[in-house]
């Protein structure tokens, strides 16, 4: 009799533990896991997890992208910005081409280097009109995990150097480009 009661009590505790854990996971995924936003007109993903690229709106309390769309004429308030097609291994680093070189938006791809925005496969080859990524109505694009800081730590310096060398930026201009730590929102290293 004593063993039966002990077993039932232990089973009850285990069930309660699983219910609390499941509710905690559900709550976290509903309120904290909005990592990406669709960016028109190409439906690429913009990182809501980056405080430098999506600061918190004081009115809504939500991360809000710095720009409302990504076209060839978009002016980025900070550089580089990030945009991502999950079919690609890493996000693209986005920059504004200096006016002396014609202006516009360019993206850095780790294999092909710098190219005018958008990538060719996101445009209709005949008309040049946007050919946006088609997302399934059931797609959970906003829940895709943020880009790993390990990938950003080599991609962004490589993109920044390529951009600076391509357009002959001065040392001061290069210092204005975001670092991986700034994109991720990591605090500065303080001396001991």
C-alpha atoms as a PDB file:
ATOM      1  CA  UNK A   1       0.000   0.000   0.000  1.00  0.00           C
ATOM      2  CA  UNK A   2       2.807   2.413   0.937  1.00  0.00           C
ATOM      3  CA  UNK A   3       4.698   1.631  -2.296  1.00  0.00           C
ATOM      4  CA  UNK A   4       1.568   2.261  -4.369  1.00  0.00           C
ATOM      5  CA  UNK A   5       1.018   5.692  -2.809  1.00  0.00           C
ATOM      6  CA  UNK A   6       4.669   6.586  -3.278  1.00  0.00           C
ATOM      7  CA  UNK A   7       4.545   5.538  -6.922  1.00  0.00           C
ATOM      8  CA  UNK A   8       1.367   7.577  -7.554  1.00  0.00           C
ATOM      9  CA  UNK A   9       2.882  10.607  -5.824  1.00  0.00           C
ATOM     10  CA  UNK A  10       6.082  10.319  -7.906  1.00  0.00           C
ATOM     11  CA  UNK A  11       4.049   9.924 -11.111  1.00  0.00           C
ATOM     12  CA  UNK A  12       2.002  12.997 -10.171  1.00  0.00           C
ATOM     13  CA  UNK A  13       5.191  15.059  -9.621  1.00  0.00           C
ATOM     14  CA  UNK A  14       6.607  13.931 -12.991  1.00  0.00           C
ATOM     15  CA  UNK A  15       3.390  14.853 -14.822  1.00  0.00           C
ATOM     16  CA  UNK A  16       3.309  18.298 -13.167  1.00  0.00           C
ATOM     17  CA  UNK A  17       6.967  18.850 -14.128  1.00  0.00           C
ATOM     18  CA  UNK A  18       6.244  17.998 -17.786  1.00  0.00           C
ATOM     19  CA  UNK A  19       3.200  20.274 -17.880  1.00  0.00           C
ATOM     20  CA  UNK A  20       5.165  23.218 -16.451  1.00  0.00           C
ATOM     21  CA  UNK A  21       8.039  22.591 -18.881  1.00  0.00           C
ATOM     22  CA  UNK A  22       5.688  22.354 -21.869  1.00  0.00           C
ATOM     23  CA  UNK A  23       3.881  25.561 -20.902  1.00  0.00           C
ATOM     24  CA  UNK A  24       7.206  27.353 -20.469  1.00  0.00           C
ATOM     25  CA  UNK A  25       8.384  26.265 -23.917  1.00  0.00           C
ATOM     26  CA  UNK A  26       5.084  27.302 -25.490  1.00  0.00           C
ATOM     27  CA  UNK A  27       5.188  30.727 -23.814  1.00  0.00           C
ATOM     28  CA  UNK A  28       8.800  31.330 -24.874  1.00  0.00           C
ATOM     29  CA  UNK A  29       8.160  30.388 -28.485  1.00  0.00           C
ATOM     30  CA  UNK A  30       5.111  32.666 -28.616  1.00  0.00           C
ATOM     31  CA  UNK A  31       6.643  35.767 -27.054  1.00  0.00           C
ATOM     32  CA  UNK A  32      10.397  35.629 -27.520  1.00  0.00           C
ATOM     33  CA  UNK A  33      11.154  33.746 -30.720  1.00  0.00           C
ATOM     34  CA  UNK A  34      10.413  36.324 -33.393  1.00  0.00           C
ATOM     35  CA  UNK A  35      13.930  36.343 -34.837  1.00  0.00           C
ATOM     36  CA  UNK A  36      13.267  37.444 -38.427  1.00  0.00           C
ATOM     37  CA  UNK A  37      10.905  39.719 -40.358  1.00  0.00           C
ATOM     38  CA  UNK A  38       9.968  39.491 -44.030  1.00  0.00           C
ATOM     39  CA  UNK A  39      11.393  42.396 -45.988  1.00  0.00           C
ATOM     40  CA  UNK A  40       9.476  43.413 -49.122  1.00  0.00           C
ATOM     41  CA  UNK A  41       9.531  43.351 -52.081  1.00  0.00           C
ATOM     42  CA  UNK A  42      11.723  40.210 -52.266  1.00  0.00           C
ATOM     43  CA  UNK A  43      10.589  38.564 -49.004  1.00  0.00           C
ATOM     44  CA  UNK A  44      14.127  38.075 -47.730  1.00  0.00           C
ATOM     45  CA  UNK A  45      14.530  37.876 -43.962  1.00  0.00           C
ATOM     46  CA  UNK A  46      15.683  40.843 -41.865  1.00  0.00           C
ATOM     47  CA  UNK A  47      17.221  40.095 -38.424  1.00  0.00           C
ATOM     48  CA  UNK A  48      15.023  41.186 -35.543  1.00  0.00           C
ATOM     49  CA  UNK A  49      17.632  39.690 -33.189  1.00  0.00           C
ATOM     50  CA  UNK A  50      20.159  42.436 -34.030  1.00  0.00           C
ATOM     51  CA  UNK A  51      19.777  45.561 -31.852  1.00  0.00           C
ATOM     52  CA  UNK A  52      21.835  47.583 -34.362  1.00  0.00           C
ATOM     53  CA  UNK A  53      19.561  46.626 -37.281  1.00  0.00           C
ATOM     54  CA  UNK A  54      16.243  46.314 -35.438  1.00  0.00           C
ATOM     55  CA  UNK A  55      16.205  48.547 -32.358  1.00  0.00           C
ATOM     56  CA  UNK A  56      13.402  48.251 -29.827  1.00  0.00           C
ATOM     57  CA  UNK A  57      10.520  50.588 -30.593  1.00  0.00           C
ATOM     58  CA  UNK A  58       9.823  52.422 -27.293  1.00  0.00           C
ATOM     59  CA  UNK A  59       6.085  52.591 -28.030  1.00  0.00           C
ATOM     60  CA  UNK A  60       5.479  48.926 -28.898  1.00  0.00           C
ATOM     61  CA  UNK A  61       8.427  47.350 -27.088  1.00  0.00           C
ATOM     62  CA  UNK A  62       9.139  45.252 -30.196  1.00  0.00           C
ATOM     63  CA  UNK A  63      12.237  45.039 -32.376  1.00  0.00           C
ATOM     64  CA  UNK A  64      11.607  47.144 -35.492  1.00  0.00           C
ATOM     65  CA  UNK A  65      13.678  46.987 -38.700  1.00  0.00           C
ATOM     66  CA  UNK A  66      15.562  50.197 -39.559  1.00  0.00           C
ATOM     67  CA  UNK A  67      14.179  50.112 -43.109  1.00  0.00           C
ATOM     68  CA  UNK A  68      10.764  49.166 -44.451  1.00  0.00           C
ATOM     69  CA  UNK A  69      11.917  47.566 -47.702  1.00  0.00           C
ATOM     70  CA  UNK A  70      15.039  46.444 -49.542  1.00  0.00           C
ATOM     71  CA  UNK A  71      15.209  47.764 -53.081  1.00  0.00           C
ATOM     72  CA  UNK A  72      18.192  48.893 -55.116  1.00  0.00           C
ATOM     73  CA  UNK A  73      17.412  52.475 -53.965  1.00  0.00           C
ATOM     74  CA  UNK A  74      17.168  51.735 -50.211  1.00  0.00           C
ATOM     75  CA  UNK A  75      19.353  53.985 -48.072  1.00  0.00           C
ATOM     76  CA  UNK A  76      20.713  52.089 -45.070  1.00  0.00           C
ATOM     77  CA  UNK A  77      21.118  54.137 -41.871  1.00  0.00           C
ATOM     78  CA  UNK A  78      23.896  51.765 -40.721  1.00  0.00           C
ATOM     79  CA  UNK A  79      26.197  49.485 -42.664  1.00  0.00           C
ATOM     80  CA  UNK A  80      26.434  46.641 -43.119  1.00  0.00           C
ATOM     81  CA  UNK A  81      22.860  45.478 -42.761  1.00  0.00           C
ATOM     82  CA  UNK A  82      21.925  41.812 -43.098  1.00  0.00           C
ATOM     83  CA  UNK A  83      19.342  40.090 -45.284  1.00  0.00           C
ATOM     84  CA  UNK A  84      18.904  36.364 -45.723  1.00  0.00           C
ATOM     85  CA  UNK A  85      17.308  33.798 -47.950  1.00  0.00           C
ATOM     86  CA  UNK A  86      17.325  30.595 -45.853  1.00  0.00           C
ATOM     87  CA  UNK A  87      18.208  28.656 -49.010  1.00  0.00           C
ATOM     88  CA  UNK A  88      21.610  30.387 -48.777  1.00  0.00           C
ATOM     89  CA  UNK A  89      24.119  29.253 -46.154  1.00  0.00           C
ATOM     90  CA  UNK A  90      24.705  32.725 -44.665  1.00  0.00           C
ATOM     91  CA  UNK A  91      23.025  36.123 -44.756  1.00  0.00           C
ATOM     92  CA  UNK A  92      24.198  38.797 -47.153  1.00  0.00           C
ATOM     93  CA  UNK A  93      25.973  41.880 -45.849  1.00  0.00           C
ATOM     94  CA  UNK A  94      24.319  44.952 -47.429  1.00  0.00           C
ATOM     95  CA  UNK A  95      25.991  48.285 -48.164  1.00  0.00           C
ATOM     96  CA  UNK A  96      25.159  51.553 -49.910  1.00  0.00           C
ATOM     97  CA  UNK A  97      27.437  52.149 -52.874  1.00  0.00           C
ATOM     98  CA  UNK A  98      29.054  55.606 -52.588  1.00  0.00           C
ATOM     99  CA  UNK A  99      27.406  58.185 -54.923  1.00  0.00           C
ATOM    100  CA  UNK A 100      30.715  58.652 -56.755  1.00  0.00           C
ATOM    101  CA  UNK A 101      30.315  55.060 -57.979  1.00  0.00           C
ATOM    102  CA  UNK A 102      26.652  55.389 -58.996  1.00  0.00           C
ATOM    103  CA  UNK A 103      24.886  54.790 -55.677  1.00  0.00           C
ATOM    104  CA  UNK A 104      22.420  52.026 -54.981  1.00  0.00           C
ATOM    105  CA  UNK A 105      22.504  48.999 -52.743  1.00  0.00           C
ATOM    106  CA  UNK A 106      25.048  46.203 -52.983  1.00  0.00           C
ATOM    107  CA  UNK A 107      25.298  42.855 -51.228  1.00  0.00           C
ATOM    108  CA  UNK A 108      28.292  40.767 -50.247  1.00  0.00           C
ATOM    109  CA  UNK A 109      28.228  37.050 -50.892  1.00  0.00           C
ATOM    110  CA  UNK A 110      31.101  35.078 -49.374  1.00  0.00           C
ATOM    111  CA  UNK A 111      31.684  33.180 -52.626  1.00  0.00           C
ATOM    112  CA  UNK A 112      31.007  35.801 -55.313  1.00  0.00           C
ATOM    113  CA  UNK A 113      31.907  39.049 -53.515  1.00  0.00           C
ATOM    114  CA  UNK A 114      30.030  42.342 -53.997  1.00  0.00           C
ATOM    115  CA  UNK A 115      27.130  42.645 -56.445  1.00  0.00           C
ATOM    116  CA  UNK A 116      24.237  45.076 -57.016  1.00  0.00           C
ATOM    117  CA  UNK A 117      21.087  44.335 -55.038  1.00  0.00           C
ATOM    118  CA  UNK A 118      19.006  42.224 -55.581  1.00  0.00           C
ATOM    119  CA  UNK A 119      20.543  38.862 -56.451  1.00  0.00           C
ATOM    120  CA  UNK A 120      19.597  37.939 -60.035  1.00  0.00           C
ATOM    121  CA  UNK A 121      17.370  35.018 -59.014  1.00  0.00           C
ATOM    122  CA  UNK A 122      15.087  37.452 -57.136  1.00  0.00           C
ATOM    123  CA  UNK A 123      14.258  39.323 -60.359  1.00  0.00           C
ATOM    124  CA  UNK A 124      12.201  38.344 -63.360  1.00  0.00           C
ATOM    125  CA  UNK A 125      14.806  37.879 -66.124  1.00  0.00           C
ATOM    126  CA  UNK A 126      12.602  39.539 -68.774  1.00  0.00           C
ATOM    127  CA  UNK A 127      11.066  42.480 -66.937  1.00  0.00           C
ATOM    128  CA  UNK A 128      13.443  42.992 -64.024  1.00  0.00           C
ATOM    129  CA  UNK A 129      10.430  43.091 -61.698  1.00  0.00           C
ATOM    130  CA  UNK A 130      10.800  41.558 -58.233  1.00  0.00           C
ATOM    131  CA  UNK A 131      10.387  37.783 -58.090  1.00  0.00           C
ATOM    132  CA  UNK A 132       9.929  37.416 -54.313  1.00  0.00           C
ATOM    133  CA  UNK A 133      10.631  34.297 -52.314  1.00  0.00           C
ATOM    134  CA  UNK A 134       7.375  32.406 -51.930  1.00  0.00           C
ATOM    135  CA  UNK A 135       6.747  31.292 -48.378  1.00  0.00           C
ATOM    136  CA  UNK A 136       4.287  28.568 -47.479  1.00  0.00           C
ATOM    137  CA  UNK A 137       1.398  29.810 -45.314  1.00  0.00           C
ATOM    138  CA  UNK A 138       2.625  27.319 -42.712  1.00  0.00           C
ATOM    139  CA  UNK A 139       6.241  28.515 -42.871  1.00  0.00           C
ATOM    140  CA  UNK A 140       7.784  29.396 -39.546  1.00  0.00           C
ATOM    141  CA  UNK A 141      10.361  31.798 -40.946  1.00  0.00           C
ATOM    142  CA  UNK A 142      10.158  34.085 -37.914  1.00  0.00           C
ATOM    143  CA  UNK A 143      11.218  31.215 -35.639  1.00  0.00           C
ATOM    144  CA  UNK A 144      14.404  30.320 -37.537  1.00  0.00           C
ATOM    145  CA  UNK A 145      17.296  30.734 -35.112  1.00  0.00           C
ATOM    146  CA  UNK A 146      19.542  33.794 -35.397  1.00  0.00           C
ATOM    147  CA  UNK A 147      22.710  33.524 -37.433  1.00  0.00           C
ATOM    148  CA  UNK A 148      25.448  31.988 -35.326  1.00  0.00           C
ATOM    149  CA  UNK A 149      27.887  34.577 -33.997  1.00  0.00           C
ATOM    150  CA  UNK A 150      30.727  32.323 -35.198  1.00  0.00           C
ATOM    151  CA  UNK A 151      29.595  32.793 -38.805  1.00  0.00           C
ATOM    152  CA  UNK A 152      29.136  36.538 -38.427  1.00  0.00           C
ATOM    153  CA  UNK A 153      32.578  36.947 -36.851  1.00  0.00           C
ATOM    154  CA  UNK A 154      34.340  36.060 -40.101  1.00  0.00           C
ATOM    155  CA  UNK A 155      31.695  37.110 -42.646  1.00  0.00           C
ATOM    156  CA  UNK A 156      31.334  40.743 -41.548  1.00  0.00           C
ATOM    157  CA  UNK A 157      35.072  41.626 -41.379  1.00  0.00           C
ATOM    158  CA  UNK A 158      35.583  39.966 -44.770  1.00  0.00           C
ATOM    159  CA  UNK A 159      32.623  41.885 -46.227  1.00  0.00           C
ATOM    160  CA  UNK A 160      33.770  45.166 -44.636  1.00  0.00           C
ATOM    161  CA  UNK A 161      37.310  44.798 -46.007  1.00  0.00           C
ATOM    162  CA  UNK A 162      36.036  43.858 -49.465  1.00  0.00           C
ATOM    163  CA  UNK A 163      33.649  46.830 -49.484  1.00  0.00           C
ATOM    164  CA  UNK A 164      36.361  49.243 -48.266  1.00  0.00           C
ATOM    165  CA  UNK A 165      38.922  48.045 -50.816  1.00  0.00           C
ATOM    166  CA  UNK A 166      36.422  48.039 -53.687  1.00  0.00           C
ATOM    167  CA  UNK A 167      35.278  51.618 -53.086  1.00  0.00           C
ATOM    168  CA  UNK A 168      38.510  53.058 -51.664  1.00  0.00           C
ATOM    169  CA  UNK A 169      37.045  54.070 -48.323  1.00  0.00           C
ATOM    170  CA  UNK A 170      39.133  56.120 -45.931  1.00  0.00           C
ATOM    171  CA  UNK A 171      40.136  54.796 -42.531  1.00  0.00           C
ATOM    172  CA  UNK A 172      37.445  56.900 -40.840  1.00  0.00           C
ATOM    173  CA  UNK A 173      34.743  55.500 -43.138  1.00  0.00           C
ATOM    174  CA  UNK A 174      35.856  51.943 -42.388  1.00  0.00           C
ATOM    175  CA  UNK A 175      35.590  52.637 -38.655  1.00  0.00           C
ATOM    176  CA  UNK A 176      31.926  53.597 -39.182  1.00  0.00           C
ATOM    177  CA  UNK A 177      31.074  50.106 -40.449  1.00  0.00           C
ATOM    178  CA  UNK A 178      29.400  47.824 -37.925  1.00  0.00           C
ATOM    179  CA  UNK A 179      31.426  45.037 -36.337  1.00  0.00           C
ATOM    180  CA  UNK A 180      30.112  41.540 -35.630  1.00  0.00           C
ATOM    181  CA  UNK A 181      29.814  42.434 -31.925  1.00  0.00           C
ATOM    182  CA  UNK A 182      27.732  45.522 -32.720  1.00  0.00           C
ATOM    183  CA  UNK A 183      25.442  43.548 -35.033  1.00  0.00           C
ATOM    184  CA  UNK A 184      24.940  40.906 -32.345  1.00  0.00           C
ATOM    185  CA  UNK A 185      24.502  43.529 -29.629  1.00  0.00           C
ATOM    186  CA  UNK A 186      27.408  42.276 -27.536  1.00  0.00           C
ATOM    187  CA  UNK A 187      28.784  44.704 -24.935  1.00  0.00           C
ATOM    188  CA  UNK A 188      32.264  46.141 -25.448  1.00  0.00           C
ATOM    189  CA  UNK A 189      35.178  44.393 -23.776  1.00  0.00           C
ATOM    190  CA  UNK A 190      36.257  46.272 -20.689  1.00  0.00           C
ATOM    191  CA  UNK A 191      39.785  46.109 -19.293  1.00  0.00           C
ATOM    192  CA  UNK A 192      40.264  44.405 -15.956  1.00  0.00           C
END
